[in-house]
PDB file of all heavy atoms in Angstrom:
ATOM      1  N   THR A   1       5.008   1.455  -3.366  1.00  0.00           N
ATOM      2  CA  THR A   1       5.457   0.322  -2.612  1.00  0.00           C
ATOM      3  C   THR A   1       6.931   0.656  -2.182  1.00  0.00           C
ATOM      4  O   THR A   1       7.685   1.112  -3.018  1.00  0.00           O
ATOM      5  CB  THR A   1       5.370  -1.048  -3.381  1.00  0.00           C
ATOM      6  OG1 THR A   1       6.042  -0.866  -4.663  1.00  0.00           O
ATOM      7  CG2 THR A   1       3.957  -1.509  -3.533  1.00  0.00           C
ATOM      8  N   ALA A   2       7.275   0.346  -1.005  1.00  0.00           N
ATOM      9  CA  ALA A   2       8.628   0.532  -0.548  1.00  0.00           C
ATOM     10  C   ALA A   2       9.642  -0.332  -1.177  1.00  0.00           C
ATOM     11  O   ALA A   2      10.854  -0.041  -1.149  1.00  0.00           O
ATOM     12  CB  ALA A   2       8.659   0.455   1.037  1.00  0.00           C
ATOM     13  N   SER A   3       9.141  -1.437  -1.718  1.00  0.00           N
ATOM     14  CA  SER A   3      10.071  -2.433  -2.419  1.00  0.00           C
ATOM     15  C   SER A   3       9.246  -3.100  -3.449  1.00  0.00           C
ATOM     16  O   SER A   3       8.038  -2.927  -3.520  1.00  0.00           O
ATOM     17  CB  SER A   3      10.695  -3.400  -1.486  1.00  0.00           C
ATOM     18  OG  SER A   3       9.596  -4.166  -0.762  1.00  0.00           O
ATOM     19  N   ASP A   4       9.972  -3.787  -4.343  1.00  0.00           N
ATOM     20  CA  ASP A   4       9.210  -4.497  -5.426  1.00  0.00           C
ATOM     21  C   ASP A   4       8.307  -5.528  -4.859  1.00  0.00           C
ATOM     22  O   ASP A   4       8.563  -6.086  -3.840  1.00  0.00           O
ATOM     23  CB  ASP A   4      10.239  -5.195  -6.303  1.00  0.00           C
ATOM     24  CG  ASP A   4      10.995  -4.249  -7.220  1.00  0.00           C
ATOM     25  OD1 ASP A   4      10.627  -3.014  -7.221  1.00  0.00           O
ATOM     26  OD2 ASP A   4      11.908  -4.667  -7.878  1.00  0.00           O
ATOM     27  N   ILE A   5       7.276  -5.790  -5.582  1.00  0.00           N
ATOM     28  CA  ILE A   5       6.283  -6.856  -5.196  1.00  0.00           C
ATOM     29  C   ILE A   5       6.167  -7.867  -6.359  1.00  0.00           C
ATOM     30  O   ILE A   5       6.511  -7.513  -7.524  1.00  0.00           O
ATOM     31  CB  ILE A   5       4.887  -6.260  -4.929  1.00  0.00           C
ATOM     32  CG1 ILE A   5       4.262  -5.564  -6.036  1.00  0.00           C
ATOM     33  CG2 ILE A   5       4.996  -5.452  -3.650  1.00  0.00           C
ATOM     34  CD1 ILE A   5       2.741  -5.519  -6.113  1.00  0.00           C
ATOM     35  N   PRO A   6       5.809  -9.045  -6.168  1.00  0.00           N
ATOM     36  CA  PRO A   6       5.523  -9.953  -7.218  1.00  0.00           C
ATOM     37  C   PRO A   6       4.486  -9.454  -8.189  1.00  0.00           C
ATOM     38  O   PRO A   6       3.461  -8.903  -7.788  1.00  0.00           O
ATOM     39  CB  PRO A   6       5.012 -11.236  -6.587  1.00  0.00           C
ATOM     40  CG  PRO A   6       5.494 -11.191  -5.156  1.00  0.00           C
ATOM     41  CD  PRO A   6       5.534  -9.699  -4.875  1.00  0.00           C
ATOM     42  N   LYS A   7       4.801  -9.513  -9.452  1.00  0.00           N
ATOM     43  CA  LYS A   7       3.866  -8.942 -10.586  1.00  0.00           C
ATOM     44  C   LYS A   7       2.496  -9.476 -10.417  1.00  0.00           C
ATOM     45  O   LYS A   7       1.578  -8.775 -10.659  1.00  0.00           O
ATOM     46  CB  LYS A   7       4.447  -9.326 -11.891  1.00  0.00           C
ATOM     47  CG  LYS A   7       3.827  -8.635 -13.070  1.00  0.00           C
ATOM     48  CD  LYS A   7       4.525  -8.947 -14.330  1.00  0.00           C
ATOM     49  CE  LYS A   7       3.692  -8.406 -15.524  1.00  0.00           C
ATOM     50  NZ  LYS A   7       4.370  -8.731 -16.770  1.00  0.00           N
ATOM     51  N   ASP A   8       2.345 -10.754 -10.004  1.00  0.00           N
ATOM     52  CA  ASP A   8       0.981 -11.265  -9.936  1.00  0.00           C
ATOM     53  C   ASP A   8       0.155 -10.814  -8.735  1.00  0.00           C
ATOM     54  O   ASP A   8      -1.004 -11.136  -8.546  1.00  0.00           O
ATOM     55  CB  ASP A   8       1.015 -12.867 -10.033  1.00  0.00           C
ATOM     56  CG  ASP A   8       1.763 -13.476  -8.757  1.00  0.00           C
ATOM     57  OD1 ASP A   8       2.351 -12.753  -7.994  1.00  0.00           O
ATOM     58  OD2 ASP A   8       1.708 -14.692  -8.655  1.00  0.00           O
ATOM     59  N   LYS A   9       0.763  -9.989  -7.848  1.00  0.00           N
ATOM     60  CA  LYS A   9       0.076  -9.429  -6.740  1.00  0.00           C
ATOM     61  C   LYS A   9      -0.355  -7.953  -6.936  1.00  0.00           C
ATOM     62  O   LYS A   9      -1.017  -7.408  -6.025  1.00  0.00           O
ATOM     63  CB  LYS A   9       0.919  -9.460  -5.534  1.00  0.00           C
ATOM     64  CG  LYS A   9       1.230 -10.867  -4.928  1.00  0.00           C
ATOM     65  CD  LYS A   9       0.066 -11.287  -4.193  1.00  0.00           C
ATOM     66  CE  LYS A   9       0.343 -12.506  -3.305  1.00  0.00           C
ATOM     67  NZ  LYS A   9      -0.813 -12.773  -2.416  1.00  0.00           N
ATOM     68  N   ILE A  10      -0.105  -7.448  -8.172  1.00  0.00           N
ATOM     69  CA  ILE A  10      -0.486  -5.999  -8.407  1.00  0.00           C
ATOM     70  C   ILE A  10      -1.928  -5.791  -8.111  1.00  0.00           C
ATOM     71  O   ILE A  10      -2.253  -4.766  -7.503  1.00  0.00           O
ATOM     72  CB  ILE A  10      -0.007  -5.624  -9.805  1.00  0.00           C
ATOM     73  CG1 ILE A  10       1.492  -5.564  -9.921  1.00  0.00           C
ATOM     74  CG2 ILE A  10      -0.644  -4.243 -10.200  1.00  0.00           C
ATOM     75  CD1 ILE A  10       2.033  -5.325 -11.328  1.00  0.00           C
ATOM     76  N   PHE A  11      -2.804  -6.588  -8.650  1.00  0.00           N
ATOM     77  CA  PHE A  11      -4.206  -6.286  -8.560  1.00  0.00           C
ATOM     78  C   PHE A  11      -4.660  -6.431  -7.024  1.00  0.00           C
ATOM     79  O   PHE A  11      -5.467  -5.654  -6.567  1.00  0.00           O
ATOM     80  CB  PHE A  11      -5.122  -7.233  -9.378  1.00  0.00           C
ATOM     81  CG  PHE A  11      -4.957  -6.954 -10.809  1.00  0.00           C
ATOM     82  CD1 PHE A  11      -4.157  -7.695 -11.721  1.00  0.00           C
ATOM     83  CD2 PHE A  11      -5.524  -5.813 -11.388  1.00  0.00           C
ATOM     84  CE1 PHE A  11      -4.067  -7.471 -13.005  1.00  0.00           C
ATOM     85  CE2 PHE A  11      -5.380  -5.522 -12.785  1.00  0.00           C
ATOM     86  CZ  PHE A  11      -4.656  -6.319 -13.535  1.00  0.00           C
ATOM     87  N   ASP A  12      -4.065  -7.312  -6.281  1.00  0.00           N
ATOM     88  CA  ASP A  12      -4.401  -7.414  -4.824  1.00  0.00           C
ATOM     89  C   ASP A  12      -3.942  -6.162  -4.130  1.00  0.00           C
ATOM     90  O   ASP A  12      -4.601  -5.630  -3.247  1.00  0.00           O
ATOM     91  CB  ASP A  12      -3.708  -8.671  -4.212  1.00  0.00           C
ATOM     92  CG  ASP A  12      -4.235  -9.932  -4.792  1.00  0.00           C
ATOM     93  OD1 ASP A  12      -5.409  -9.953  -5.261  1.00  0.00           O
ATOM     94  OD2 ASP A  12      -3.488 -10.964  -4.772  1.00  0.00           O
ATOM     95  N   VAL A  13      -2.798  -5.676  -4.444  1.00  0.00           N
ATOM     96  CA  VAL A  13      -2.222  -4.459  -3.858  1.00  0.00           C
ATOM     97  C   VAL A  13      -3.060  -3.309  -4.149  1.00  0.00           C
ATOM     98  O   VAL A  13      -3.416  -2.506  -3.259  1.00  0.00           O
ATOM     99  CB  VAL A  13      -0.741  -4.241  -4.246  1.00  0.00           C
ATOM    100  CG1 VAL A  13      -0.212  -2.893  -3.971  1.00  0.00           C
ATOM    101  CG2 VAL A  13       0.143  -5.321  -3.749  1.00  0.00           C
ATOM    102  N   MET A  14      -3.506  -3.153  -5.450  1.00  0.00           N
ATOM    103  CA  MET A  14      -4.288  -2.062  -5.829  1.00  0.00           C
ATOM    104  C   MET A  14      -5.685  -2.066  -5.096  1.00  0.00           C
ATOM    105  O   MET A  14      -6.220  -1.031  -4.787  1.00  0.00           O
ATOM    106  CB  MET A  14      -4.457  -2.052  -7.301  1.00  0.00           C
ATOM    107  CG  MET A  14      -3.273  -1.474  -8.095  1.00  0.00           C
ATOM    108  SD  MET A  14      -2.684   0.020  -7.550  1.00  0.00           S
ATOM    109  CE  MET A  14      -4.042   1.113  -7.877  1.00  0.00           C
ATOM    110  N   ALA A  15      -6.233  -3.233  -4.900  1.00  0.00           N
ATOM    111  CA  ALA A  15      -7.470  -3.373  -4.172  1.00  0.00           C
ATOM    112  C   ALA A  15      -7.324  -2.791  -2.783  1.00  0.00           C
ATOM    113  O   ALA A  15      -8.252  -2.068  -2.311  1.00  0.00           O
ATOM    114  CB  ALA A  15      -7.943  -4.798  -4.144  1.00  0.00           C
ATOM    115  N   GLU A  16      -6.257  -3.121  -2.084  1.00  0.00           N
ATOM    116  CA  GLU A  16      -6.082  -2.537  -0.699  1.00  0.00           C
ATOM    117  C   GLU A  16      -5.804  -1.089  -0.764  1.00  0.00           C
ATOM    118  O   GLU A  16      -6.338  -0.322   0.134  1.00  0.00           O
ATOM    119  CB  GLU A  16      -4.877  -3.252  -0.054  1.00  0.00           C
ATOM    120  CG  GLU A  16      -5.249  -4.661   0.446  1.00  0.00           C
ATOM    121  CD  GLU A  16      -4.197  -5.227   1.422  1.00  0.00           C
ATOM    122  OE1 GLU A  16      -3.613  -4.478   2.183  1.00  0.00           O
ATOM    123  OE2 GLU A  16      -4.033  -6.387   1.368  1.00  0.00           O
ATOM    124  N   ILE A  17      -5.140  -0.564  -1.751  1.00  0.00           N
ATOM    125  CA  ILE A  17      -4.870   0.839  -1.835  1.00  0.00           C
ATOM    126  C   ILE A  17      -6.203   1.567  -2.088  1.00  0.00           C
ATOM    127  O   ILE A  17      -6.469   2.639  -1.460  1.00  0.00           O
ATOM    128  CB  ILE A  17      -3.815   1.172  -2.999  1.00  0.00           C
ATOM    129  CG1 ILE A  17      -2.432   0.662  -2.622  1.00  0.00           C
ATOM    130  CG2 ILE A  17      -3.815   2.638  -3.323  1.00  0.00           C
ATOM    131  CD1 ILE A  17      -1.451   0.811  -3.722  1.00  0.00           C
ATOM    132  N   ARG A  18      -7.053   1.021  -2.930  1.00  0.00           N
ATOM    133  CA  ARG A  18      -8.355   1.731  -3.134  1.00  0.00           C
ATOM    134  C   ARG A  18      -9.205   1.793  -1.906  1.00  0.00           C
ATOM    135  O   ARG A  18     -10.010   2.761  -1.735  1.00  0.00           O
ATOM    136  CB  ARG A  18      -9.114   0.933  -4.261  1.00  0.00           C
ATOM    137  CG  ARG A  18      -8.742   1.427  -5.688  1.00  0.00           C
ATOM    138  CD  ARG A  18      -9.635   0.823  -6.755  1.00  0.00           C
ATOM    139  NE  ARG A  18      -9.738  -0.657  -6.817  1.00  0.00           N
ATOM    140  CZ  ARG A  18      -8.873  -1.443  -7.436  1.00  0.00           C
ATOM    141  NH1 ARG A  18      -7.915  -0.907  -8.075  1.00  0.00           N
ATOM    142  NH2 ARG A  18      -9.013  -2.740  -7.386  1.00  0.00           N
ATOM    143  N   GLN A  19      -8.995   0.909  -0.975  1.00  0.00           N
ATOM    144  CA  GLN A  19      -9.881   0.931   0.210  1.00  0.00           C
ATOM    145  C   GLN A  19      -9.247   1.792   1.284  1.00  0.00           C
ATOM    146  O   GLN A  19      -9.968   2.163   2.277  1.00  0.00           O
ATOM    147  CB  GLN A  19      -9.943  -0.535   0.805  1.00  0.00           C
ATOM    148  CG  GLN A  19     -10.678  -1.485  -0.085  1.00  0.00           C
ATOM    149  CD  GLN A  19     -12.136  -1.107  -0.427  1.00  0.00           C
ATOM    150  OE1 GLN A  19     -12.865  -0.675   0.543  1.00  0.00           O
ATOM    151  NE2 GLN A  19     -12.484  -1.097  -1.675  1.00  0.00           N
ATOM    152  N   CYS A  20      -8.015   2.190   1.115  1.00  0.00           N
ATOM    153  CA  CYS A  20      -7.307   2.971   2.171  1.00  0.00           C
ATOM    154  C   CYS A  20      -7.788   4.421   2.173  1.00  0.00           C
ATOM    155  O   CYS A  20      -7.937   5.136   1.222  1.00  0.00           O
ATOM    156  CB  CYS A  20      -5.836   2.837   1.944  1.00  0.00           C
ATOM    157  SG  CYS A  20      -4.825   3.711   3.191  1.00  0.00           S
ATOM    158  N   ARG A  21      -7.936   4.971   3.379  1.00  0.00           N
ATOM    159  CA  ARG A  21      -8.280   6.361   3.685  1.00  0.00           C
ATOM    160  C   ARG A  21      -7.331   6.756   4.810  1.00  0.00           C
ATOM    161  O   ARG A  21      -7.235   6.065   5.890  1.00  0.00           O
ATOM    162  CB  ARG A  21      -9.710   6.568   4.084  1.00  0.00           C
ATOM    163  CG  ARG A  21     -10.753   6.124   3.101  1.00  0.00           C
ATOM    164  CD  ARG A  21     -10.851   6.949   1.870  1.00  0.00           C
ATOM    165  NE  ARG A  21     -11.948   6.580   0.930  1.00  0.00           N
ATOM    166  CZ  ARG A  21     -11.777   5.732  -0.006  1.00  0.00           C
ATOM    167  NH1 ARG A  21     -10.652   5.011  -0.117  1.00  0.00           N
ATOM    168  NH2 ARG A  21     -12.751   5.438  -0.841  1.00  0.00           N
ATOM    169  N   VAL A  22      -6.720   7.855   4.762  1.00  0.00           N
ATOM    170  CA  VAL A  22      -5.849   8.412   5.776  1.00  0.00           C
ATOM    171  C   VAL A  22      -6.366   9.815   6.238  1.00  0.00           C
ATOM    172  O   VAL A  22      -6.921  10.585   5.428  1.00  0.00           O
ATOM    173  CB  VAL A  22      -4.349   8.404   5.413  1.00  0.00           C
ATOM    174  CG1 VAL A  22      -3.858   6.957   5.178  1.00  0.00           C
ATOM    175  CG2 VAL A  22      -4.107   9.327   4.209  1.00  0.00           C
ATOM    176  N   LYS A  23      -6.009  10.165   7.440  1.00  0.00           N
ATOM    177  CA  LYS A  23      -6.355  11.508   7.974  1.00  0.00           C
ATOM    178  C   LYS A  23      -5.059  12.389   7.874  1.00  0.00           C
ATOM    179  O   LYS A  23      -3.996  11.927   8.183  1.00  0.00           O
ATOM    180  CB  LYS A  23      -6.824  11.405   9.407  1.00  0.00           C
ATOM    181  CG  LYS A  23      -8.143  10.691   9.540  1.00  0.00           C
ATOM    182  CD  LYS A  23      -8.668  10.806  10.940  1.00  0.00           C
ATOM    183  CE  LYS A  23      -9.853   9.875  11.125  1.00  0.00           C
ATOM    184  NZ  LYS A  23     -11.137  10.384  10.944  1.00  0.00           N
ATOM    185  N   ALA A  24      -5.237  13.610   7.517  1.00  0.00           N
ATOM    186  CA  ALA A  24      -4.166  14.623   7.415  1.00  0.00           C
ATOM    187  C   ALA A  24      -3.753  14.946   8.879  1.00  0.00           C
ATOM    188  O   ALA A  24      -4.559  14.814   9.776  1.00  0.00           O
ATOM    189  CB  ALA A  24      -4.617  15.875   6.717  1.00  0.00           C
ATOM    190  N   PRO A  25      -2.520  15.321   9.167  1.00  0.00           N
ATOM    191  CA  PRO A  25      -1.437  15.425   8.223  1.00  0.00           C
ATOM    192  C   PRO A  25      -0.867  14.065   7.831  1.00  0.00           C
ATOM    193  O   PRO A  25      -0.840  13.170   8.661  1.00  0.00           O
ATOM    194  CB  PRO A  25      -0.482  16.330   8.957  1.00  0.00           C
ATOM    195  CG  PRO A  25      -0.595  15.985  10.351  1.00  0.00           C
ATOM    196  CD  PRO A  25      -2.101  15.715  10.518  1.00  0.00           C
ATOM    197  N   VAL A  26      -0.256  14.097   6.624  1.00  0.00           N
ATOM    198  CA  VAL A  26       0.536  12.926   6.154  1.00  0.00           C
ATOM    199  C   VAL A  26       1.894  13.415   5.775  1.00  0.00           C
ATOM    200  O   VAL A  26       2.040  14.516   5.193  1.00  0.00           O
ATOM    201  CB  VAL A  26      -0.099  12.294   4.913  1.00  0.00           C
ATOM    202  CG1 VAL A  26       0.659  11.055   4.436  1.00  0.00           C
ATOM    203  CG2 VAL A  26      -1.545  11.874   5.177  1.00  0.00           C
ATOM    204  N   HIS A  27       2.980  12.697   6.183  1.00  0.00           N
ATOM    205  CA  HIS A  27       4.323  13.062   5.925  1.00  0.00           C
ATOM    206  C   HIS A  27       4.981  12.132   4.907  1.00  0.00           C
ATOM    207  O   HIS A  27       4.711  10.934   4.951  1.00  0.00           O
ATOM    208  CB  HIS A  27       5.116  13.151   7.192  1.00  0.00           C
ATOM    209  CG  HIS A  27       4.597  14.057   8.274  1.00  0.00           C
ATOM    210  ND1 HIS A  27       3.755  13.635   9.232  1.00  0.00           N
ATOM    211  CD2 HIS A  27       4.680  15.389   8.329  1.00  0.00           C
ATOM    212  CE1 HIS A  27       3.317  14.672   9.956  1.00  0.00           C
ATOM    213  NE2 HIS A  27       3.884  15.753   9.408  1.00  0.00           N
ATOM    214  N   ALA A  28       5.776  12.634   4.022  1.00  0.00           N
ATOM    215  CA  ALA A  28       6.502  11.803   3.077  1.00  0.00           C
ATOM    216  C   ALA A  28       7.234  10.737   3.845  1.00  0.00           C
ATOM    217  O   ALA A  28       7.952  11.004   4.854  1.00  0.00           O
ATOM    218  CB  ALA A  28       7.511  12.647   2.276  1.00  0.00           C
ATOM    219  N   GLY A  29       7.143   9.450   3.461  1.00  0.00           N
ATOM    220  CA  GLY A  29       7.715   8.376   4.108  1.00  0.00           C
ATOM    221  C   GLY A  29       6.891   7.651   5.119  1.00  0.00           C
ATOM    222  O   GLY A  29       7.263   6.533   5.522  1.00  0.00           O
ATOM    223  N   ASP A  30       5.724   8.204   5.420  1.00  0.00           N
ATOM    224  CA  ASP A  30       4.804   7.554   6.361  1.00  0.00           C
ATOM    225  C   ASP A  30       4.312   6.238   5.784  1.00  0.00           C
ATOM    226  O   ASP A  30       4.042   6.170   4.600  1.00  0.00           O
ATOM    227  CB  ASP A  30       3.577   8.375   6.632  1.00  0.00           C
ATOM    228  CG  ASP A  30       3.758   9.538   7.687  1.00  0.00           C
ATOM    229  OD1 ASP A  30       4.925   9.627   8.179  1.00  0.00           O
ATOM    230  OD2 ASP A  30       2.826  10.346   7.783  1.00  0.00           O
ATOM    231  N   VAL A  31       4.334   5.178   6.560  1.00  0.00           N
ATOM    232  CA  VAL A  31       3.804   3.913   6.086  1.00  0.00           C
ATOM    233  C   VAL A  31       2.289   3.947   6.295  1.00  0.00           C
ATOM    234  O   VAL A  31       1.813   4.156   7.346  1.00  0.00           O
ATOM    235  CB  VAL A  31       4.312   2.713   6.957  1.00  0.00           C
ATOM    236  CG1 VAL A  31       3.673   1.423   6.536  1.00  0.00           C
ATOM    237  CG2 VAL A  31       5.854   2.563   6.778  1.00  0.00           C
ATOM    238  N   LEU A  32       1.530   3.896   5.111  1.00  0.00           N
ATOM    239  CA  LEU A  32       0.180   3.946   5.153  1.00  0.00           C
ATOM    240  C   LEU A  32      -0.529   2.563   5.230  1.00  0.00           C
ATOM    241  O   LEU A  32      -1.641   2.460   5.724  1.00  0.00           O
ATOM    242  CB  LEU A  32      -0.375   4.803   3.945  1.00  0.00           C
ATOM    243  CG  LEU A  32       0.167   6.149   3.845  1.00  0.00           C
ATOM    244  CD1 LEU A  32      -0.392   6.868   2.668  1.00  0.00           C
ATOM    245  CD2 LEU A  32       0.104   6.923   5.079  1.00  0.00           C
ATOM    246  N   ILE A  33       0.048   1.541   4.620  1.00  0.00           N
ATOM    247  CA  ILE A  33      -0.380   0.111   4.611  1.00  0.00           C
ATOM    248  C   ILE A  33       0.827  -0.698   4.904  1.00  0.00           C
ATOM    249  O   ILE A  33       1.812  -0.676   4.060  1.00  0.00           O
ATOM    250  CB  ILE A  33      -1.032  -0.247   3.399  1.00  0.00           C
ATOM    251  CG1 ILE A  33      -2.261   0.744   3.003  1.00  0.00           C
ATOM    252  CG2 ILE A  33      -1.576  -1.713   3.556  1.00  0.00           C
ATOM    253  CD1 ILE A  33      -2.824   0.341   1.688  1.00  0.00           C
ATOM    254  N   ALA A  34       0.895  -1.314   6.001  1.00  0.00           N
ATOM    255  CA  ALA A  34       2.063  -2.294   6.229  1.00  0.00           C
ATOM    256  C   ALA A  34       1.808  -3.646   5.630  1.00  0.00           C
ATOM    257  O   ALA A  34       0.649  -4.126   5.562  1.00  0.00           O
ATOM    258  CB  ALA A  34       2.256  -2.463   7.735  1.00  0.00           C
ATOM    259  N   ASN A  35       2.815  -4.232   5.017  1.00  0.00           N
ATOM    260  CA  ASN A  35       2.700  -5.643   4.466  1.00  0.00           C
ATOM    261  C   ASN A  35       1.512  -5.735   3.541  1.00  0.00           C
ATOM    262  O   ASN A  35       0.661  -6.630   3.623  1.00  0.00           O
ATOM    263  CB  ASN A  35       2.644  -6.694   5.566  1.00  0.00           C
ATOM    264  CG  ASN A  35       2.778  -8.050   5.026  1.00  0.00           C
ATOM    265  OD1 ASN A  35       3.290  -8.268   4.005  1.00  0.00           O
ATOM    266  ND2 ASN A  35       2.248  -9.041   5.838  1.00  0.00           N
ATOM    267  N   VAL A  36       1.387  -4.844   2.588  1.00  0.00           N
ATOM    268  CA  VAL A  36       0.254  -4.781   1.619  1.00  0.00           C
ATOM    269  C   VAL A  36       0.058  -6.065   0.937  1.00  0.00           C
ATOM    270  O   VAL A  36       1.034  -6.748   0.468  1.00  0.00           O
ATOM    271  CB  VAL A  36       0.350  -3.609   0.648  1.00  0.00           C
ATOM    272  CG1 VAL A  36       1.538  -3.816  -0.239  1.00  0.00           C
ATOM    273  CG2 VAL A  36      -0.946  -3.463  -0.037  1.00  0.00           C
ATOM    274  N   ALA A  37      -1.100  -6.681   1.036  1.00  0.00           N
ATOM    275  CA  ALA A  37      -1.585  -7.927   0.385  1.00  0.00           C
ATOM    276  C   ALA A  37      -0.627  -9.013   0.678  1.00  0.00           C
ATOM    277  O   ALA A  37      -0.374  -9.942  -0.139  1.00  0.00           O
ATOM    278  CB  ALA A  37      -1.600  -7.668  -1.191  1.00  0.00           C
ATOM    279  N   GLY A  38       0.023  -9.006   1.869  1.00  0.00           N
ATOM    280  CA  GLY A  38       0.840 -10.093   2.295  1.00  0.00           C
ATOM    281  C   GLY A  38       2.127 -10.202   1.473  1.00  0.00           C
ATOM    282  O   GLY A  38       2.829 -11.238   1.460  1.00  0.00           O
ATOM    283  N   THR A  39       2.540  -9.117   0.857  1.00  0.00           N
ATOM    284  CA  THR A  39       3.801  -9.105   0.077  1.00  0.00           C
ATOM    285  C   THR A  39       5.051  -8.849   0.835  1.00  0.00           C
ATOM    286  O   THR A  39       6.148  -9.055   0.279  1.00  0.00           O
ATOM    287  CB  THR A  39       3.702  -8.036  -1.078  1.00  0.00           C
ATOM    288  OG1 THR A  39       3.550  -6.764  -0.504  1.00  0.00           O
ATOM    289  CG2 THR A  39       2.452  -8.312  -1.999  1.00  0.00           C
TER     290      THR A  39
END
């Protein structure tokens, strides 16, 4: 996460991360999910 998130949102964030797939190439710093779980 680019910044801290509320502790009670961790499971929601992880659920979105698990669903995410990206195509190569990927560069360090690329935003892969914006506004994850509304945080």
